[in-house]
Amino acid sequence: MKNRSAIISLLIALFCGVAVESPAGEIADSSLAAAQKGAIDTLRLLSDQPVKSPWGAVLRSAILPGWGQVYNEKYLKGALALAINGALLWQVFDYHDQWQSTGQQNYRDKRNLYTWYWGLAYLLTMVDAYVDASLFGFDKAMDIAALPPGPGGFSAGIALRFRF
């Protein structure tokens, strides 16, 4: 019973995000809580510490391909990763069943080939989740840090943006 409650607590912390007390006694919001506030701390955004946990994104993507992308707020990419991994895994099982029922060598070869494709897609999904988490908020940081402060901490400038 004690182990069960510890596992449930761990799952709740993993899925919901929790506030963690830092050694200095300050409360540091999890990335989920910061996203719910609708703002990202600019000091943290401009620091070397990532806003999202890269290894948390990898773990999520390892559990369910595409979950790491959803964690990084790349919803379309997450759906695409889940669909590609699911389709490749379905091909593996389909060719395995055909090989078991017919005994033909070409079905076994296709099963092995699609197993390699699925493994590669699975690894790339985790790598993509890591990179997206590491670079989360990079565009916002570049917009904020575009102009260095001038004398007296004041800066002014003109920015032109073209979108095609």
N, C-alpha and C. Protein backbone atom coordinates (compact mmCIF):
# COMPACT_ATOMS: atom_id res chain seq x y z
N MET A 1 0.83 -1.20 0.00
CA MET A 1 0.00 0.00 0.00
C MET A 1 0.87 1.26 0.00
N LYS A 2 1.98 1.20 0.76
CA LYS A 2 2.86 2.35 0.84
C LYS A 2 3.55 2.60 -0.51
N ASN A 3 3.97 1.52 -1.18
CA ASN A 3 4.59 1.65 -2.50
C ASN A 3 3.61 2.17 -3.53
N ARG A 4 2.37 1.74 -3.41
CA ARG A 4 1.35 2.19 -4.35
C ARG A 4 1.11 3.68 -4.25
N SER A 5 1.06 4.21 -3.04
CA SER A 5 0.84 5.65 -2.86
C SER A 5 2.06 6.44 -3.34
N ALA A 6 3.27 5.89 -3.18
CA ALA A 6 4.46 6.56 -3.67
C ALA A 6 4.46 6.61 -5.20
N ILE A 7 4.04 5.54 -5.84
CA ILE A 7 3.97 5.50 -7.30
C ILE A 7 2.92 6.49 -7.80
N ILE A 8 1.78 6.54 -7.15
CA ILE A 8 0.72 7.47 -7.55
C ILE A 8 1.20 8.91 -7.38
N SER A 9 1.89 9.20 -6.29
CA SER A 9 2.42 10.55 -6.07
C SER A 9 3.44 10.92 -7.14
N LEU A 10 4.29 9.96 -7.51
CA LEU A 10 5.28 10.20 -8.55
C LEU A 10 4.61 10.48 -9.89
N LEU A 11 3.58 9.71 -10.22
CA LEU A 11 2.86 9.93 -11.48
C LEU A 11 2.16 11.27 -11.50
N ILE A 12 1.57 11.67 -10.39
CA ILE A 12 0.91 12.98 -10.32
C ILE A 12 1.93 14.09 -10.52
N ALA A 13 3.10 13.95 -9.88
CA ALA A 13 4.14 14.96 -10.04
C ALA A 13 4.65 15.00 -11.47
N LEU A 14 4.77 13.84 -12.10
CA LEU A 14 5.27 13.78 -13.47
C LEU A 14 4.29 14.40 -14.45
N PHE A 15 3.01 14.07 -14.31
CA PHE A 15 2.02 14.55 -15.27
C PHE A 15 1.56 15.98 -15.03
N CYS A 16 1.51 16.41 -13.80
CA CYS A 16 0.94 17.72 -13.50
C CYS A 16 1.98 18.82 -13.32
N GLY A 17 3.19 18.48 -12.95
CA GLY A 17 4.20 19.48 -12.63
C GLY A 17 3.98 19.97 -11.22
N VAL A 18 5.05 20.21 -10.50
CA VAL A 18 4.94 20.64 -9.11
C VAL A 18 5.86 21.82 -8.88
N ALA A 19 5.56 22.59 -7.83
CA ALA A 19 6.43 23.67 -7.41
C ALA A 19 7.51 23.07 -6.52
N VAL A 20 8.75 23.45 -6.79
CA VAL A 20 9.88 22.90 -6.05
C VAL A 20 10.55 24.02 -5.30
N GLU A 21 10.93 23.78 -4.04
CA GLU A 21 11.60 24.80 -3.27
C GLU A 21 13.09 24.73 -3.53
N SER A 22 13.69 25.84 -3.92
CA SER A 22 15.11 25.87 -4.20
C SER A 22 15.89 26.03 -2.90
N PRO A 23 17.23 25.80 -2.92
CA PRO A 23 18.01 25.93 -1.70
C PRO A 23 17.96 27.31 -1.08
N ALA A 24 17.72 28.34 -1.86
CA ALA A 24 17.66 29.69 -1.32
C ALA A 24 16.32 29.98 -0.65
N GLY A 25 15.40 29.03 -0.69
CA GLY A 25 14.11 29.21 -0.05
C GLY A 25 13.06 29.82 -0.95
N GLU A 26 13.39 30.04 -2.21
CA GLU A 26 12.42 30.62 -3.13
C GLU A 26 11.62 29.50 -3.76
N ILE A 27 10.42 29.81 -4.18
CA ILE A 27 9.60 28.83 -4.87
C ILE A 27 9.82 29.01 -6.36
N ALA A 28 10.28 27.95 -7.02
CA ALA A 28 10.50 27.98 -8.47
C ALA A 28 9.35 27.23 -9.13
N ASP A 29 8.62 27.90 -9.99
CA ASP A 29 7.49 27.27 -10.66
C ASP A 29 7.99 26.27 -11.68
N SER A 30 7.23 25.19 -11.85
CA SER A 30 7.55 24.26 -12.93
C SER A 30 7.18 24.92 -14.25
N SER A 31 7.65 24.33 -15.33
CA SER A 31 7.38 24.92 -16.64
C SER A 31 5.89 24.93 -16.95
N LEU A 32 5.15 23.94 -16.44
CA LEU A 32 3.72 23.90 -16.66
C LEU A 32 3.04 25.07 -15.97
N ALA A 33 3.44 25.36 -14.72
CA ALA A 33 2.85 26.47 -13.99
C ALA A 33 3.20 27.80 -14.66
N ALA A 34 4.42 27.93 -15.17
CA ALA A 34 4.82 29.15 -15.86
C ALA A 34 4.02 29.33 -17.15
N ALA A 35 3.77 28.23 -17.84
CA ALA A 35 2.99 28.31 -19.07
C ALA A 35 1.55 28.69 -18.78
N GLN A 36 1.01 28.22 -17.62
CA GLN A 36 -0.35 28.56 -17.26
C GLN A 36 -0.48 30.03 -16.92
N LYS A 37 0.59 30.63 -16.41
CA LYS A 37 0.56 32.06 -16.12
C LYS A 37 0.57 32.89 -17.39
N GLY A 38 1.02 32.27 -18.49
CA GLY A 38 1.05 32.97 -19.77
C GLY A 38 2.30 33.81 -19.97
N ALA A 39 3.29 33.67 -19.10
CA ALA A 39 4.51 34.44 -19.24
C ALA A 39 5.70 33.58 -18.87
N ILE A 40 6.81 33.86 -19.50
CA ILE A 40 8.05 33.17 -19.19
C ILE A 40 8.99 34.19 -18.57
N ASP A 41 9.65 33.81 -17.50
CA ASP A 41 10.58 34.68 -16.80
C ASP A 41 11.73 35.04 -17.74
N THR A 42 11.92 36.34 -18.00
CA THR A 42 12.95 36.75 -18.96
C THR A 42 14.35 36.47 -18.46
N LEU A 43 14.59 36.56 -17.14
CA LEU A 43 15.92 36.23 -16.63
C LEU A 43 16.26 34.77 -16.88
N ARG A 44 15.29 33.90 -16.67
CA ARG A 44 15.52 32.48 -16.92
C ARG A 44 15.61 32.22 -18.43
N LEU A 45 14.85 32.96 -19.20
CA LEU A 45 14.87 32.79 -20.65
C LEU A 45 16.23 33.16 -21.23
N LEU A 46 16.86 34.19 -20.68
CA LEU A 46 18.15 34.64 -21.18
C LEU A 46 19.33 33.92 -20.53
N SER A 47 19.07 33.09 -19.52
CA SER A 47 20.17 32.36 -18.87
C SER A 47 20.53 31.13 -19.68
N ASP A 48 21.57 30.44 -19.24
CA ASP A 48 21.99 29.21 -19.91
C ASP A 48 21.14 28.02 -19.52
N GLN A 49 20.34 28.15 -18.47
CA GLN A 49 19.49 27.05 -18.02
C GLN A 49 18.25 26.96 -18.91
N PRO A 50 17.95 25.76 -19.43
CA PRO A 50 16.78 25.65 -20.31
C PRO A 50 15.47 25.87 -19.56
N VAL A 51 14.49 26.41 -20.27
CA VAL A 51 13.17 26.65 -19.67
C VAL A 51 12.44 25.33 -19.47
N LYS A 52 12.55 24.43 -20.43
CA LYS A 52 11.95 23.09 -20.34
C LYS A 52 13.06 22.09 -20.06
N SER A 53 12.73 21.01 -19.39
CA SER A 53 13.69 19.97 -19.07
C SER A 53 13.94 19.09 -20.29
N PRO A 54 15.15 19.11 -20.86
CA PRO A 54 15.43 18.27 -22.03
C PRO A 54 15.29 16.78 -21.74
N TRP A 55 15.79 16.33 -20.59
CA TRP A 55 15.69 14.90 -20.28
C TRP A 55 14.27 14.51 -19.91
N GLY A 56 13.49 15.45 -19.39
CA GLY A 56 12.07 15.19 -19.16
C GLY A 56 11.33 14.99 -20.47
N ALA A 57 11.72 15.77 -21.47
CA ALA A 57 11.11 15.62 -22.80
C ALA A 57 11.51 14.29 -23.43
N VAL A 58 12.77 13.88 -23.24
CA VAL A 58 13.23 12.59 -23.78
C VAL A 58 12.48 11.45 -23.10
N LEU A 59 12.33 11.53 -21.78
CA LEU A 59 11.61 10.48 -21.05
C LEU A 59 10.17 10.39 -21.52
N ARG A 60 9.52 11.52 -21.67
CA ARG A 60 8.14 11.51 -22.16
C ARG A 60 8.05 10.90 -23.56
N SER A 61 9.01 11.27 -24.41
CA SER A 61 9.00 10.75 -25.77
C SER A 61 9.35 9.27 -25.81
N ALA A 62 10.13 8.79 -24.85
CA ALA A 62 10.44 7.36 -24.78
C ALA A 62 9.22 6.56 -24.33
N ILE A 63 8.43 7.13 -23.44
CA ILE A 63 7.22 6.44 -22.97
C ILE A 63 6.17 6.38 -24.07
N LEU A 64 5.94 7.51 -24.71
CA LEU A 64 4.96 7.58 -25.79
C LEU A 64 5.50 8.54 -26.86
N PRO A 65 5.89 8.02 -28.02
CA PRO A 65 6.43 8.90 -29.06
C PRO A 65 5.47 10.05 -29.38
N GLY A 66 5.99 11.26 -29.33
CA GLY A 66 5.18 12.45 -29.58
C GLY A 66 4.83 13.20 -28.31
N TRP A 67 4.89 12.52 -27.15
CA TRP A 67 4.56 13.19 -25.89
C TRP A 67 5.61 14.25 -25.56
N GLY A 68 6.86 14.01 -25.88
CA GLY A 68 7.91 15.01 -25.66
C GLY A 68 7.70 16.25 -26.50
N GLN A 69 7.19 16.07 -27.70
CA GLN A 69 6.91 17.21 -28.57
C GLN A 69 5.72 18.01 -28.02
N VAL A 70 4.72 17.31 -27.51
CA VAL A 70 3.57 18.00 -26.90
C VAL A 70 4.02 18.78 -25.67
N TYR A 71 4.92 18.19 -24.87
CA TYR A 71 5.49 18.87 -23.70
C TYR A 71 6.20 20.15 -24.12
N ASN A 72 6.82 20.14 -25.29
CA ASN A 72 7.52 21.31 -25.81
C ASN A 72 6.60 22.25 -26.59
N GLU A 73 5.31 21.98 -26.53
CA GLU A 73 4.27 22.80 -27.17
C GLU A 73 4.39 22.78 -28.70
N LYS A 74 4.85 21.68 -29.24
CA LYS A 74 4.89 21.45 -30.69
C LYS A 74 3.84 20.38 -30.99
N TYR A 75 2.58 20.78 -30.99
CA TYR A 75 1.48 19.83 -31.04
C TYR A 75 1.38 19.09 -32.37
N LEU A 76 1.55 19.78 -33.46
CA LEU A 76 1.47 19.14 -34.77
C LEU A 76 2.61 18.15 -34.96
N LYS A 77 3.79 18.55 -34.52
CA LYS A 77 4.95 17.65 -34.60
C LYS A 77 4.74 16.42 -33.72
N GLY A 78 4.11 16.60 -32.56
CA GLY A 78 3.83 15.46 -31.68
C GLY A 78 2.85 14.48 -32.31
N ALA A 79 1.82 15.00 -32.93
CA ALA A 79 0.84 14.14 -33.60
C ALA A 79 1.49 13.40 -34.77
N LEU A 80 2.35 14.10 -35.49
CA LEU A 80 3.04 13.49 -36.62
C LEU A 80 4.01 12.39 -36.14
N ALA A 81 4.72 12.64 -35.06
CA ALA A 81 5.65 11.64 -34.52
C ALA A 81 4.89 10.40 -34.05
N LEU A 82 3.76 10.60 -33.40
CA LEU A 82 2.96 9.47 -32.94
C LEU A 82 2.42 8.68 -34.13
N ALA A 83 1.96 9.38 -35.15
CA ALA A 83 1.41 8.71 -36.34
C ALA A 83 2.49 7.92 -37.08
N ILE A 84 3.66 8.51 -37.26
CA ILE A 84 4.74 7.82 -37.98
C ILE A 84 5.21 6.60 -37.20
N ASN A 85 5.45 6.76 -35.89
CA ASN A 85 5.89 5.62 -35.08
C ASN A 85 4.83 4.53 -35.03
N GLY A 86 3.57 4.92 -34.93
CA GLY A 86 2.49 3.93 -34.92
C GLY A 86 2.36 3.19 -36.23
N ALA A 87 2.47 3.91 -37.35
CA ALA A 87 2.37 3.27 -38.66
C ALA A 87 3.53 2.30 -38.90
N LEU A 88 4.73 2.70 -38.52
CA LEU A 88 5.88 1.80 -38.70
C LEU A 88 5.78 0.57 -37.81
N LEU A 89 5.33 0.76 -36.57
CA LEU A 89 5.17 -0.38 -35.67
C LEU A 89 4.06 -1.31 -36.16
N TRP A 90 3.01 -0.74 -36.72
CA TRP A 90 1.94 -1.56 -37.28
C TRP A 90 2.48 -2.40 -38.45
N GLN A 91 3.33 -1.80 -39.28
CA GLN A 91 3.93 -2.54 -40.39
C GLN A 91 4.79 -3.70 -39.88
N VAL A 92 5.52 -3.47 -38.81
CA VAL A 92 6.35 -4.53 -38.23
C VAL A 92 5.47 -5.71 -37.83
N PHE A 93 4.41 -5.44 -37.09
CA PHE A 93 3.54 -6.53 -36.63
C PHE A 93 2.77 -7.18 -37.78
N ASP A 94 2.37 -6.39 -38.77
CA ASP A 94 1.66 -6.94 -39.91
C ASP A 94 2.54 -7.90 -40.70
N TYR A 95 3.77 -7.47 -41.00
CA TYR A 95 4.69 -8.37 -41.72
C TYR A 95 5.09 -9.58 -40.88
N HIS A 96 5.15 -9.42 -39.58
CA HIS A 96 5.45 -10.57 -38.72
C HIS A 96 4.33 -11.60 -38.79
N ASP A 97 3.09 -11.12 -38.72
CA ASP A 97 1.95 -12.04 -38.81
C ASP A 97 1.91 -12.74 -40.17
N GLN A 98 2.17 -11.99 -41.24
CA GLN A 98 2.18 -12.60 -42.58
C GLN A 98 3.30 -13.63 -42.71
N TRP A 99 4.45 -13.34 -42.13
CA TRP A 99 5.56 -14.30 -42.17
C TRP A 99 5.22 -15.55 -41.37
N GLN A 100 4.56 -15.38 -40.21
CA GLN A 100 4.19 -16.53 -39.38
C GLN A 100 3.16 -17.41 -40.09
N SER A 101 2.23 -16.78 -40.81
CA SER A 101 1.17 -17.58 -41.44
C SER A 101 1.61 -18.21 -42.76
N THR A 102 2.49 -17.54 -43.52
CA THR A 102 2.89 -18.09 -44.82
C THR A 102 4.28 -18.73 -44.81
N GLY A 103 5.15 -18.26 -43.95
CA GLY A 103 6.51 -18.78 -43.90
C GLY A 103 7.40 -18.26 -45.02
N GLN A 104 6.94 -17.25 -45.76
CA GLN A 104 7.73 -16.72 -46.87
C GLN A 104 8.82 -15.78 -46.34
N GLN A 105 9.99 -15.94 -46.93
CA GLN A 105 11.18 -15.20 -46.49
C GLN A 105 11.04 -13.69 -46.70
N ASN A 106 10.36 -13.27 -47.78
CA ASN A 106 10.27 -11.84 -48.07
C ASN A 106 9.49 -11.08 -46.99
N TYR A 107 8.51 -11.72 -46.34
CA TYR A 107 7.79 -11.07 -45.25
C TYR A 107 8.69 -10.87 -44.03
N ARG A 108 9.55 -11.85 -43.77
CA ARG A 108 10.49 -11.72 -42.65
C ARG A 108 11.48 -10.60 -42.93
N ASP A 109 11.96 -10.51 -44.17
CA ASP A 109 12.90 -9.45 -44.54
C ASP A 109 12.25 -8.07 -44.41
N LYS A 110 10.99 -7.96 -44.85
CA LYS A 110 10.28 -6.67 -44.72
C LYS A 110 10.04 -6.33 -43.25
N ARG A 111 9.73 -7.35 -42.44
CA ARG A 111 9.54 -7.12 -41.01
C ARG A 111 10.83 -6.57 -40.39
N ASN A 112 11.95 -7.16 -40.74
CA ASN A 112 13.24 -6.71 -40.21
C ASN A 112 13.57 -5.29 -40.67
N LEU A 113 13.29 -5.00 -41.94
CA LEU A 113 13.55 -3.67 -42.46
C LEU A 113 12.70 -2.62 -41.74
N TYR A 114 11.40 -2.91 -41.56
CA TYR A 114 10.52 -1.96 -40.88
C TYR A 114 10.84 -1.85 -39.40
N THR A 115 11.44 -2.88 -38.83
CA THR A 115 11.89 -2.79 -37.43
C THR A 115 13.02 -1.77 -37.33
N TRP A 116 13.93 -1.78 -38.29
CA TRP A 116 14.99 -0.79 -38.31
C TRP A 116 14.44 0.62 -38.54
N TYR A 117 13.48 0.75 -39.44
CA TYR A 117 12.86 2.06 -39.69
C TYR A 117 12.19 2.58 -38.42
N TRP A 118 11.45 1.69 -37.74
CA TRP A 118 10.77 2.11 -36.51
C TRP A 118 11.77 2.51 -35.44
N GLY A 119 12.85 1.74 -35.28
CA GLY A 119 13.87 2.08 -34.28
C GLY A 119 14.51 3.43 -34.56
N LEU A 120 14.77 3.71 -35.82
CA LEU A 120 15.35 4.99 -36.20
C LEU A 120 14.36 6.13 -35.94
N ALA A 121 13.11 5.94 -36.29
CA ALA A 121 12.09 6.97 -36.06
C ALA A 121 11.91 7.20 -34.55
N TYR A 122 11.94 6.13 -33.77
CA TYR A 122 11.80 6.23 -32.31
C TYR A 122 12.96 7.04 -31.72
N LEU A 123 14.19 6.75 -32.15
CA LEU A 123 15.36 7.50 -31.66
C LEU A 123 15.31 8.97 -32.09
N LEU A 124 14.94 9.21 -33.35
CA LEU A 124 14.86 10.59 -33.83
C LEU A 124 13.78 11.38 -33.11
N THR A 125 12.71 10.72 -32.72
CA THR A 125 11.65 11.39 -31.96
C THR A 125 12.20 11.85 -30.61
N MET A 126 12.99 11.00 -29.96
CA MET A 126 13.57 11.38 -28.67
C MET A 126 14.61 12.48 -28.82
N VAL A 127 15.43 12.41 -29.87
CA VAL A 127 16.44 13.45 -30.11
C VAL A 127 15.75 14.79 -30.40
N ASP A 128 14.69 14.76 -31.19
CA ASP A 128 13.96 15.98 -31.50
C ASP A 128 13.34 16.59 -30.24
N ALA A 129 12.81 15.75 -29.36
CA ALA A 129 12.24 16.26 -28.11
C ALA A 129 13.32 16.93 -27.26
N TYR A 130 14.51 16.33 -27.21
CA TYR A 130 15.62 16.92 -26.45
C TYR A 130 16.02 18.28 -27.01
N VAL A 131 16.17 18.35 -28.33
CA VAL A 131 16.58 19.60 -28.97
C VAL A 131 15.52 20.68 -28.80
N ASP A 132 14.26 20.32 -28.99
CA ASP A 132 13.19 21.31 -28.82
C ASP A 132 13.12 21.83 -27.39
N ALA A 133 13.33 20.95 -26.42
CA ALA A 133 13.30 21.40 -25.02
C ALA A 133 14.49 22.30 -24.72
N SER A 134 15.65 21.98 -25.28
CA SER A 134 16.83 22.80 -25.05
C SER A 134 16.68 24.18 -25.68
N LEU A 135 16.01 24.25 -26.81
CA LEU A 135 15.85 25.52 -27.52
C LEU A 135 14.50 26.19 -27.27
N PHE A 136 13.73 25.67 -26.32
CA PHE A 136 12.41 26.24 -26.04
C PHE A 136 12.57 27.70 -25.62
N GLY A 137 11.87 28.59 -26.27
CA GLY A 137 11.92 30.01 -25.95
C GLY A 137 13.08 30.74 -26.58
N PHE A 138 13.84 30.07 -27.46
CA PHE A 138 15.00 30.69 -28.09
C PHE A 138 14.60 31.91 -28.91
N ASP A 139 13.52 31.81 -29.66
CA ASP A 139 13.08 32.94 -30.48
C ASP A 139 12.71 34.14 -29.61
N LYS A 140 12.04 33.88 -28.50
CA LYS A 140 11.68 34.97 -27.59
C LYS A 140 12.92 35.60 -26.98
N ALA A 141 13.90 34.77 -26.64
CA ALA A 141 15.14 35.28 -26.06
C ALA A 141 15.87 36.16 -27.07
N MET A 142 15.86 35.76 -28.33
CA MET A 142 16.54 36.56 -29.35
C MET A 142 15.80 37.88 -29.58
N ASP A 143 14.48 37.88 -29.48
CA ASP A 143 13.72 39.12 -29.61
C ASP A 143 14.04 40.07 -28.45
N ILE A 144 14.16 39.51 -27.25
CA ILE A 144 14.43 40.32 -26.07
C ILE A 144 15.85 40.86 -26.10
N ALA A 145 16.81 40.02 -26.50
CA ALA A 145 18.22 40.39 -26.45
C ALA A 145 18.73 40.96 -27.76
N ALA A 146 17.86 41.44 -28.62
CA ALA A 146 18.29 41.92 -29.93
C ALA A 146 19.13 43.19 -29.82
N LEU A 147 18.81 44.05 -28.90
CA LEU A 147 19.56 45.30 -28.76
C LEU A 147 20.27 45.32 -27.41
N PRO A 148 21.60 45.43 -27.43
CA PRO A 148 22.31 45.53 -26.15
C PRO A 148 22.06 46.90 -25.51
N PRO A 149 22.07 46.96 -24.19
CA PRO A 149 21.83 48.26 -23.55
C PRO A 149 22.96 49.24 -23.83
N GLY A 150 22.59 50.46 -24.06
CA GLY A 150 23.56 51.51 -24.33
C GLY A 150 24.04 52.15 -23.05
N PRO A 151 24.57 53.36 -23.13
CA PRO A 151 25.05 54.06 -21.93
C PRO A 151 23.90 54.34 -20.97
N GLY A 152 24.12 54.08 -19.73
CA GLY A 152 23.09 54.31 -18.71
C GLY A 152 22.01 53.25 -18.71
N GLY A 153 22.21 52.16 -19.42
CA GLY A 153 21.23 51.08 -19.44
C GLY A 153 20.07 51.33 -20.39
N PHE A 154 20.15 52.39 -21.20
CA PHE A 154 19.07 52.74 -22.11
C PHE A 154 19.46 52.35 -23.53
N SER A 155 18.53 51.80 -24.27
CA SER A 155 18.81 51.47 -25.67
C SER A 155 17.59 51.79 -26.52
N ALA A 156 17.83 52.14 -27.75
CA ALA A 156 16.75 52.43 -28.69
C ALA A 156 17.17 51.89 -30.05
N GLY A 157 16.21 51.57 -30.86
CA GLY A 157 16.54 51.06 -32.18
C GLY A 157 15.29 50.87 -33.02
N ILE A 158 15.52 50.51 -34.24
CA ILE A 158 14.43 50.25 -35.18
C ILE A 158 14.61 48.83 -35.69
N ALA A 159 13.53 48.10 -35.73
CA ALA A 159 13.58 46.73 -36.22
C ALA A 159 12.63 46.59 -37.40
N LEU A 160 13.10 45.95 -38.46
CA LEU A 160 12.29 45.68 -39.62
C LEU A 160 12.16 44.16 -39.74
N ARG A 161 10.94 43.71 -39.94
CA ARG A 161 10.71 42.27 -40.13
C ARG A 161 9.91 42.06 -41.39
N PHE A 162 10.37 41.11 -42.16
CA PHE A 162 9.68 40.73 -43.37
C PHE A 162 9.25 39.29 -43.26
N ARG A 163 8.01 39.01 -43.56
CA ARG A 163 7.52 37.64 -43.56
C ARG A 163 6.98 37.32 -44.93
N PHE A 164 7.39 36.18 -45.45
CA PHE A 164 6.92 35.77 -46.76
C PHE A 164 6.11 34.53 -46.63
